Structure formats: structure tokens, C-alpha cells
C-alpha atoms as a PDB file:
ATOM      1  CA  MET A   1      -3.466  31.866  -6.288  1.00  0.00           C
ATOM      2  CA  SER A   2      -6.421  33.880  -4.779  1.00  0.00           C
ATOM      3  CA  ASP A   3      -7.449  33.075  -0.914  1.00  0.00           C
ATOM      4  CA  GLN A   4     -10.906  32.592  -2.764  1.00  0.00           C
ATOM      5  CA  SER A   5      -9.952  29.671  -4.809  1.00  0.00           C
ATOM      6  CA  ALA A   6      -8.300  28.165  -1.456  1.00  0.00           C
ATOM      7  CA  ASP A   7     -11.692  28.709   0.182  1.00  0.00           C
ATOM      8  CA  ALA A   8     -13.416  26.521  -2.768  1.00  0.00           C
ATOM      9  CA  GLY A   9     -11.303  23.545  -1.533  1.00  0.00           C
ATOM     10  CA  LEU A  10      -8.992  23.564  -4.744  1.00  0.00           C
ATOM     11  CA  VAL A  11      -5.359  23.783  -4.517  1.00  0.00           C
ATOM     12  CA  GLN A  12      -3.262  24.208  -7.298  1.00  0.00           C
ATOM     13  CA  SER A  13       0.076  25.470  -6.435  1.00  0.00           C
ATOM     14  CA  ARG A  14       2.806  24.297  -3.887  1.00  0.00           C
ATOM     15  CA  ARG A  15       2.721  27.741  -1.876  1.00  0.00           C
ATOM     16  CA  GLN A  16      -0.972  27.365  -1.556  1.00  0.00           C
ATOM     17  CA  LEU A  17      -0.545  24.009  -0.202  1.00  0.00           C
ATOM     18  CA  GLU A  18       2.115  24.769   2.171  1.00  0.00           C
ATOM     19  CA  ARG A  19      -0.103  27.416   3.695  1.00  0.00           C
ATOM     20  CA  LEU A  20      -2.712  25.031   4.196  1.00  0.00           C
ATOM     21  CA  VAL A  21      -0.337  22.574   5.829  1.00  0.00           C
ATOM     22  CA  ALA A  22       0.862  25.084   8.304  1.00  0.00           C
ATOM     23  CA  ASP A  23      -2.917  25.515   9.412  1.00  0.00           C
ATOM     24  CA  ASP A  24      -3.755  22.216   8.922  1.00  0.00           C
ATOM     25  CA  GLU A  25      -6.493  22.992   6.836  1.00  0.00           C
ATOM     26  CA  LEU A  26      -6.259  20.514   3.926  1.00  0.00           C
ATOM     27  CA  ALA A  27      -9.287  18.287   5.008  1.00  0.00           C
ATOM     28  CA  GLY A  28     -11.583  17.825   2.278  1.00  0.00           C
ATOM     29  CA  ARG A  29      -9.644  19.647  -0.325  1.00  0.00           C
ATOM     30  CA  THR A  30      -8.532  18.747  -3.684  1.00  0.00           C
ATOM     31  CA  ILE A  31      -4.883  19.117  -4.358  1.00  0.00           C
ATOM     32  CA  GLN A  32      -4.529  19.019  -8.288  1.00  0.00           C
ATOM     33  CA  GLY A  33      -1.996  19.677 -10.830  1.00  0.00           C
ATOM     34  CA  PHE A  34       1.386  20.602  -9.530  1.00  0.00           C
ATOM     35  CA  ALA A  35       4.828  19.599  -8.318  1.00  0.00           C
ATOM     36  CA  ALA A  36       5.476  19.305  -4.569  1.00  0.00           C
ATOM     37  CA  PRO A  37       8.556  16.787  -3.814  1.00  0.00           C
ATOM     38  CA  GLY A  38       9.485  16.337  -0.322  1.00  0.00           C
ATOM     39  CA  VAL A  39       6.684  18.406   0.951  1.00  0.00           C
ATOM     40  CA  LEU A  40       6.064  17.903   4.725  1.00  0.00           C
ATOM     41  CA  LEU A  41       2.639  16.715   5.516  1.00  0.00           C
ATOM     42  CA  ARG A  42       3.696  15.243   9.245  1.00  0.00           C
ATOM     43  CA  SER A  43       0.668  14.488  11.607  1.00  0.00           C
ATOM     44  CA  LEU A  44      -2.000  15.995   9.450  1.00  0.00           C
ATOM     45  CA  ASP A  45      -5.829  15.377   8.988  1.00  0.00           C
ATOM     46  CA  LEU A  46      -6.027  14.749   5.436  1.00  0.00           C
ATOM     47  CA  ASP A  47      -9.721  13.535   5.525  1.00  0.00           C
ATOM     48  CA  GLY A  48     -11.469  13.178   2.342  1.00  0.00           C
ATOM     49  CA  VAL A  49      -8.593  14.911   0.132  1.00  0.00           C
ATOM     50  CA  VAL A  50      -8.687  14.289  -3.675  1.00  0.00           C
ATOM     51  CA  ILE A  51      -4.592  14.149  -4.669  1.00  0.00           C
ATOM     52  CA  GLU A  52      -4.793  14.033  -8.800  1.00  0.00           C
ATOM     53  CA  ARG A  53      -2.055  14.522 -10.855  1.00  0.00           C
ATOM     54  CA  VAL A  54       0.368  15.673  -8.362  1.00  0.00           C
ATOM     55  CA  ASP A  55       4.099  15.101  -7.820  1.00  0.00           C
ATOM     56  CA  LEU A  56       4.553  14.117  -3.929  1.00  0.00           C
ATOM     57  CA  GLN A  57       7.899  12.147  -4.472  1.00  0.00           C
ATOM     58  CA  ASP A  58       9.695  12.105  -1.142  1.00  0.00           C
ATOM     59  CA  ALA A  59       6.684  13.887   0.621  1.00  0.00           C
ATOM     60  CA  ASP A  60       6.851  13.018   4.399  1.00  0.00           C
ATOM     61  CA  GLY A  61       3.373  12.233   5.944  1.00  0.00           C
ATOM     62  CA  GLU A  62       4.567  10.405   8.874  1.00  0.00           C
ATOM     63  CA  ASP A  63       1.709   9.878  11.224  1.00  0.00           C
ATOM     64  CA  ALA A  64      -1.088  11.817   8.701  1.00  0.00           C
ATOM     65  CA  ARG A  65      -4.197  10.576   8.641  1.00  0.00           C
ATOM     66  CA  LEU A  66      -6.205   9.722   5.488  1.00  0.00           C
ATOM     67  CA  GLU A  67      -9.703   8.514   5.628  1.00  0.00           C
ATOM     68  CA  ARG A  68     -12.132   8.196   2.669  1.00  0.00           C
ATOM     69  CA  ALA A  69      -9.235   9.944   0.568  1.00  0.00           C
ATOM     70  CA  GLU A  70      -8.402   9.182  -3.249  1.00  0.00           C
ATOM     71  CA  ILE A  71      -5.211   9.257  -4.759  1.00  0.00           C
ATOM     72  CA  ARG A  72      -5.454   9.907  -8.836  1.00  0.00           C
ATOM     73  CA  GLN A  73      -2.685   9.511 -11.540  1.00  0.00           C
ATOM     74  CA  SER A  74      -0.350  10.887  -9.016  1.00  0.00           C
ATOM     75  CA  ASP A  75       3.543  10.329  -8.250  1.00  0.00           C
ATOM     76  CA  LEU A  76       4.226   9.185  -4.682  1.00  0.00           C
ATOM     77  CA  ARG A  77       7.743   7.770  -5.011  1.00  0.00           C
ATOM     78  CA  ARG A  78       9.598   7.261  -1.971  1.00  0.00           C
ATOM     79  CA  SER A  79       6.934   8.986   0.048  1.00  0.00           C
ATOM     80  CA  ARG A  80       7.061   8.283   3.975  1.00  0.00           C
ATOM     81  CA  TRP A  81       3.572   7.500   5.781  1.00  0.00           C
ATOM     82  CA  HIS A  82       5.148   5.885   8.782  1.00  0.00           C
ATOM     83  CA  ARG A  83       2.853   4.687  11.331  1.00  0.00           C
ATOM     84  CA  GLY A  84      -0.072   6.629   9.600  1.00  0.00           C
ATOM     85  CA  LEU A  85      -3.495   5.770   9.113  1.00  0.00           C
ATOM     86  CA  TRP A  86      -5.421   5.352   5.822  1.00  0.00           C
ATOM     87  CA  ASN A  87      -8.830   4.349   5.806  1.00  0.00           C
ATOM     88  CA  ARG A  88     -10.961   3.725   3.232  1.00  0.00           C
ATOM     89  CA  VAL A  89      -8.275   5.231   0.649  1.00  0.00           C
ATOM     90  CA  LYS A  90      -8.651   4.505  -3.100  1.00  0.00           C
ATOM     91  CA  ALA A  91      -5.703   4.699  -5.309  1.00  0.00           C
ATOM     92  CA  VAL A  92      -5.399   4.410  -8.886  1.00  0.00           C
ATOM     93  CA  GLU A  93      -3.326   4.725 -12.302  1.00  0.00           C
ATOM     94  CA  SER A  94      -0.474   6.150  -9.723  1.00  0.00           C
ATOM     95  CA  ASP A  95       3.395   5.365  -8.803  1.00  0.00           C
ATOM     96  CA  LEU A  96       3.637   4.406  -4.963  1.00  0.00           C
ATOM     97  CA  THR A  97       7.018   2.700  -5.727  1.00  0.00           C
ATOM     98  CA  GLN A  98       9.508   2.448  -2.460  1.00  0.00           C
ATOM     99  CA  ILE A  99       6.486   4.060  -0.315  1.00  0.00           C
ATOM    100  CA  ASP A 100       7.257   3.830   2.910  1.00  0.00           C
ATOM    101  CA  LEU A 101       3.941   2.325   5.032  1.00  0.00           C
ATOM    102  CA  SER A 102       5.954   1.080   7.717  1.00  0.00           C
ATOM    103  CA  GLY A 103       4.093   1.052  11.332  1.00  0.00           C
ATOM    104  CA  ALA A 104       0.811   2.372   9.382  1.00  0.00           C
ATOM    105  CA  HIS A 105      -2.629   1.015   9.458  1.00  0.00           C
ATOM    106  CA  LEU A 106      -4.406   0.095   6.019  1.00  0.00           C
ATOM    107  CA  LEU A 107      -8.038  -0.311   6.363  1.00  0.00           C
ATOM    108  CA  ARG A 108     -10.829  -0.960   3.819  1.00  0.00           C
ATOM    109  CA  CYS A 109      -8.280   0.296   1.288  1.00  0.00           C
ATOM    110  CA  ASP A 110      -8.965  -0.098  -2.188  1.00  0.00           C
ATOM    111  CA  LEU A 111      -5.335   0.186  -4.195  1.00  0.00           C
ATOM    112  CA  GLY A 112      -4.875  -0.501  -7.621  1.00  0.00           C
ATOM    113  CA  PRO A 113      -3.981  -0.444 -10.435  1.00  0.00           C
ATOM    114  CA  VAL A 114      -0.875   1.440  -9.453  1.00  0.00           C
ATOM    115  CA  ARG A 115       2.776   0.509  -9.040  1.00  0.00           C
ATOM    116  CA  MET A 116       4.083  -0.389  -5.422  1.00  0.00           C
ATOM    117  CA  SER A 117       7.504  -2.222  -6.102  1.00  0.00           C
ATOM    118  CA  LYS A 118       9.826  -2.164  -2.989  1.00  0.00           C
ATOM    119  CA  ALA A 119       7.100  -0.561  -0.650  1.00  0.00           C
ATOM    120  CA  ASP A 120       7.502  -0.427   3.028  1.00  0.00           C
ATOM    121  CA  PHE A 121       4.982  -2.380   5.243  1.00  0.00           C
ATOM    122  CA  ARG A 122       7.209  -3.516   8.065  1.00  0.00           C
ATOM    123  CA  GLY A 123       5.146  -4.194  10.735  1.00  0.00           C
ATOM    124  CA  ALA A 124       2.216  -2.663   9.654  1.00  0.00           C
ATOM    125  CA  ARG A 125      -1.419  -3.677  10.076  1.00  0.00           C
ATOM    126  CA  LEU A 126      -3.785  -4.307   6.908  1.00  0.00           C
ATOM    127  CA  GLN A 127      -7.415  -5.142   7.133  1.00  0.00           C
ATOM    128  CA  ALA A 128      -9.848  -5.690   4.804  1.00  0.00           C
ATOM    129  CA  THR A 129      -7.845  -3.917   1.884  1.00  0.00           C
ATOM    130  CA  THR A 130      -7.561  -5.174  -1.865  1.00  0.00           C
ATOM    131  CA  PHE A 131      -4.454  -4.339  -3.777  1.00  0.00           C
ATOM    132  CA  LYS A 132      -6.123  -4.942  -7.349  1.00  0.00           C
ATOM    133  CA  SER A 133      -3.726  -4.870 -10.670  1.00  0.00           C
ATOM    134  CA  THR A 134      -0.726  -3.727  -8.325  1.00  0.00           C
ATOM    135  CA  GLU A 135       2.863  -4.537  -9.173  1.00  0.00           C
ATOM    136  CA  LEU A 136       4.422  -5.466  -5.600  1.00  0.00           C
ATOM    137  CA  TYR A 137       7.727  -6.681  -6.738  1.00  0.00           C
ATOM    138  CA  SER A 138      10.162  -7.078  -3.463  1.00  0.00           C
ATOM    139  CA  ALA A 139       7.699  -5.256  -1.393  1.00  0.00           C
ATOM    140  CA  ASP A 140       8.300  -5.764   2.574  1.00  0.00           C
ATOM    141  CA  PHE A 141       5.870  -7.086   4.587  1.00  0.00           C
ATOM    142  CA  SER A 142       7.931  -8.251   7.242  1.00  0.00           C
ATOM    143  CA  ARG A 143       6.171  -8.350  10.947  1.00  0.00           C
ATOM    144  CA  ALA A 144       2.982  -7.037   9.202  1.00  0.00           C
ATOM    145  CA  VAL A 145      -0.348  -8.187  10.504  1.00  0.00           C
ATOM    146  CA  LEU A 146      -2.697  -8.947   7.582  1.00  0.00           C
ATOM    147  CA  ALA A 147      -6.647  -9.761   8.293  1.00  0.00           C
ATOM    148  CA  LYS A 148      -8.960 -10.063   5.203  1.00  0.00           C
ATOM    149  CA  VAL A 149      -6.690  -8.839   2.679  1.00  0.00           C
ATOM    150  CA  VAL A 150      -7.050  -9.585  -0.899  1.00  0.00           C
ATOM    151  CA  PHE A 151      -4.432  -9.408  -3.803  1.00  0.00           C
ATOM    152  CA  ASP A 152      -6.002  -9.617  -7.117  1.00  0.00           C
ATOM    153  CA  GLY A 153      -4.423  -9.857 -10.406  1.00  0.00           C
ATOM    154  CA  TYR A 154      -4.437  -8.084 -13.530  1.00  0.00           C
ATOM    155  CA  ASP A 155      -7.018  -9.164 -16.217  1.00  0.00           C
ATOM    156  CA  GLY A 156      -5.816 -12.874 -17.383  1.00  0.00           C
ATOM    157  CA  SER A 157      -2.653 -12.635 -15.395  1.00  0.00           C
ATOM    158  CA  THR A 158      -1.718 -13.058 -11.849  1.00  0.00           C
ATOM    159  CA  VAL A 159      -0.921 -10.812  -9.061  1.00  0.00           C
ATOM    160  CA  SER A 160       2.933  -9.874  -9.043  1.00  0.00           C
ATOM    161  CA  LEU A 161       4.430 -10.668  -5.501  1.00  0.00           C
ATOM    162  CA  SER A 162       7.860 -12.104  -6.523  1.00  0.00           C
ATOM    163  CA  ARG A 163      10.644 -11.774  -4.092  1.00  0.00           C
ATOM    164  CA  THR A 164       8.532 -10.022  -1.332  1.00  0.00           C
ATOM    165  CA  GLU A 165       9.322 -10.514   2.277  1.00  0.00           C
ATOM    166  CA  TRP A 166       7.180 -11.673   4.721  1.00  0.00           C
ATOM    167  CA  SER A 167       9.527 -12.887   7.789  1.00  0.00           C
ATOM    168  CA  ASN A 168       7.524 -13.261  10.988  1.00  0.00           C
ATOM    169  CA  ALA A 169       4.354 -11.636   9.563  1.00  0.00           C
ATOM    170  CA  ALA A 170       0.757 -12.590  10.572  1.00  0.00           C
ATOM    171  CA  LEU A 171      -1.861 -13.392   7.762  1.00  0.00           C
ATOM    172  CA  PHE A 172      -5.271 -14.209   8.740  1.00  0.00           C
ATOM    173  CA  GLU A 173      -7.998 -15.109   6.053  1.00  0.00           C
ATOM    174  CA  VAL A 174      -5.730 -13.489   3.162  1.00  0.00           C
ATOM    175  CA  ASP A 175      -7.082 -14.264  -0.224  1.00  0.00           C
ATOM    176  CA  PHE A 176      -4.120 -14.523  -2.601  1.00  0.00           C
ATOM    177  CA  ARG A 177      -5.872 -15.625  -5.805  1.00  0.00           C
ATOM    178  CA  ARG A 178      -3.127 -17.590  -7.774  1.00  0.00           C
ATOM    179  CA  ALA A 179      -0.403 -15.017  -6.967  1.00  0.00           C
ATOM    180  CA  ASN A 180       3.101 -15.165  -8.265  1.00  0.00           C
ATOM    181  CA  LEU A 181       5.063 -15.599  -4.985  1.00  0.00           C
ATOM    182  CA  TYR A 182       8.378 -16.731  -6.728  1.00  0.00           C
ATOM    183  CA  GLY A 183      11.125 -16.527  -4.324  1.00  0.00           C
ATOM    184  CA  ALA A 184       8.991 -14.977  -1.562  1.00  0.00           C
ATOM    185  CA  VAL A 185      10.364 -15.122   1.761  1.00  0.00           C
ATOM    186  CA  LEU A 186       8.101 -16.386   4.733  1.00  0.00           C
ATOM    187  CA  ARG A 187      10.509 -17.472   7.277  1.00  0.00           C
ATOM    188  CA  GLU A 188       8.558 -17.932  10.624  1.00  0.00           C
ATOM    189  CA  ALA A 189       5.487 -16.382   9.286  1.00  0.00           C
ATOM    190  CA  LEU A 190       2.065 -17.488  10.391  1.00  0.00           C
ATOM    191  CA  LEU A 191      -0.567 -18.278   7.378  1.00  0.00           C
ATOM    192  CA  PHE A 192      -4.237 -18.958   8.832  1.00  0.00           C
ATOM    193  CA  ARG A 193      -6.831 -19.948   6.613  1.00  0.00           C
ATOM    194  CA  CYS A 194      -5.286 -18.268   3.913  1.00  0.00           C
ATOM    195  CA  ASP A 195      -6.201 -19.145   0.060  1.00  0.00           C
ATOM    196  CA  LEU A 196      -3.087 -20.202  -1.737  1.00  0.00           C
ATOM    197  CA  ARG A 197      -4.965 -22.146  -4.515  1.00  0.00           C
ATOM    198  CA  GLY A 198      -2.469 -22.035  -7.747  1.00  0.00           C
ATOM    199  CA  VAL A 199       0.202 -19.959  -6.069  1.00  0.00           C
ATOM    200  CA  ASN A 200       3.418 -20.014  -7.425  1.00  0.00           C
ATOM    201  CA  LEU A 201       5.975 -20.330  -4.668  1.00  0.00           C
ATOM    202  CA  SER A 202       8.978 -21.916  -6.327  1.00  0.00           C
ATOM    203  CA  SER A 203      12.257 -20.884  -4.927  1.00  0.00           C
ATOM    204  CA  ALA A 204      10.437 -19.685  -1.825  1.00  0.00           C
ATOM    205  CA  ASP A 205      11.843 -19.697   1.756  1.00  0.00           C
ATOM    206  CA  LEU A 206       9.164 -21.269   3.846  1.00  0.00           C
ATOM    207  CA  ARG A 207      11.415 -22.179   6.703  1.00  0.00           C
ATOM    208  CA  GLY A 208       9.575 -22.179  10.049  1.00  0.00           C
ATOM    209  CA  ALA A 209       6.508 -21.046   8.083  1.00  0.00           C
ATOM    210  CA  ARG A 210       3.332 -22.531   9.788  1.00  0.00           C
ATOM    211  CA  LEU A 211      -0.091 -22.721   7.600  1.00  0.00           C
ATOM    212  CA  VAL A 212      -2.884 -23.422   9.346  1.00  0.00           C
ATOM    213  CA  GLY A 213      -6.177 -24.392   7.758  1.00  0.00           C
ATOM    214  CA  CYS A 214      -5.104 -23.089   4.220  1.00  0.00           C
ATOM    215  CA  LEU A 215      -6.375 -24.048   1.017  1.00  0.00           C
ATOM    216  CA  THR A 216      -3.301 -25.343  -1.047  1.00  0.00           C
ATOM    217  CA  ASN A 217      -4.461 -27.209  -3.804  1.00  0.00           C
ATOM    218  CA  GLY A 218      -1.827 -26.581  -6.619  1.00  0.00           C
ATOM    219  CA  VAL A 219       0.828 -24.763  -5.179  1.00  0.00           C
ATOM    220  CA  ASP A 220       3.805 -24.685  -6.821  1.00  0.00           C
ATOM    221  CA  LEU A 221       6.662 -25.645  -4.628  1.00  0.00           C
ATOM    222  CA  ASP A 222       9.331 -26.121  -6.822  1.00  0.00           C
ATOM    223  CA  ASP A 223      12.721 -25.683  -5.549  1.00  0.00           C
ATOM    224  CA  ALA A 224      11.540 -24.084  -2.375  1.00  0.00           C
ATOM    225  CA  THR A 225      13.144 -24.307   0.873  1.00  0.00           C
ATOM    226  CA  ILE A 226      11.309 -25.930   3.639  1.00  0.00           C
END
């Protein structure tokens, strides 16, 4: 891969990627069409990057900053973005299973359709972010703070949030749009002015949860623990 192609903004090999990582010169580039599992992306400026058809399994992006970035048809399974910033990130047709976004700040992101089952959002802050047609089975939102977040379902189907963890989370004006929260754990969670209409909370654990000003018409609480 020539330096000329690197200057053009297109990154097409792991070797080229690692050279640009060392110089912290990835901002604004398109990373496309190769495998780089376990690559180190810590504390990098990734503003404006496009990640397309890239294997970034187990990548370490702790403290990295992504603003106005796009993730397309890529594999980020088990990648780590602890304490990172995702601002206006768009992700589609990608596998983010078991992604670690604990302690991260997600602002105005559009995520989906993507797989995010068992994603780790512990202690994260999510604001004005939309999950569209996103699989979130067993994701962990414990101690997270969510404000004006939307969980939107598949065409003709509901959002999959079954067996998710929300203990000690704080949710402000979150729209669940008839989500499936079967078996979810909301112990000691605070929900303020959230839209829970038609939500499936059967077998959920609601011990100590506080619902303030929430819309709850049609909520299914069958076998829920309150």
C-alpha cells in the first residue's frame, strides 16, 4: 500500500492502519475491507472516520473519540470502548455483540440495524440516541443514565430488550415503543416520564424501581416481581 493512497484518506490494510494509529492520523479517513482483530485504538481521534467491511473483533478503543463517524457492515464483536465518546455515530448492518461501552458517552447516535446482544453499557451516559431494529438481548445498562433515548423496533415487530439489566439506572424521557423487556431487571431504577405503553415486562424484576410520570397503558406485568 503506497503512502499516496494513505494521503488520499483510504486505509486498506492492517499495516497501514497501525502506522496511522502510531501517528494518530486516522481522523477523517475511510477504513475499508480488511481484518485487524485486536488492534489498539486507545485514546485516538477517530472523528469523521468511516469503518466499512472491517473485522475489528476484540479491538481496544478505550478513551477513543468518534464524532460524525460511520460503521457499516463491520465486525466489532467484543471490542472495547470504555470511557470513550461516540457523538453522532451511525452504525448499520454490523455485529457489535458483547461490545464494551461501559463508562462511555453516547450523544445523538443512530444505531441500527445492528446486533448488540450482551453489550456492556454499565455506567454509560446515553443522550438523544436511537436504537433502530437493534438486537439488545441481555445488554447491561446498570448504573447508566439515559436521556431522550429511543428504542425502536423492527418493521412489524417490537424492540428486543429481553433479559436486559437496568439496576440502579436513571432513565429520563426514554421511549420504549412497545419493547419486549421480558425478564428484565430494573431493581432500584428510576424511570422519569418514560413511554412504557404496551411494553412487555412479564417476569421482570421491578423491586425498588420508581416510575415517575410514566405512560404505562397496556403494560404486561404478568409474573413480574414488584
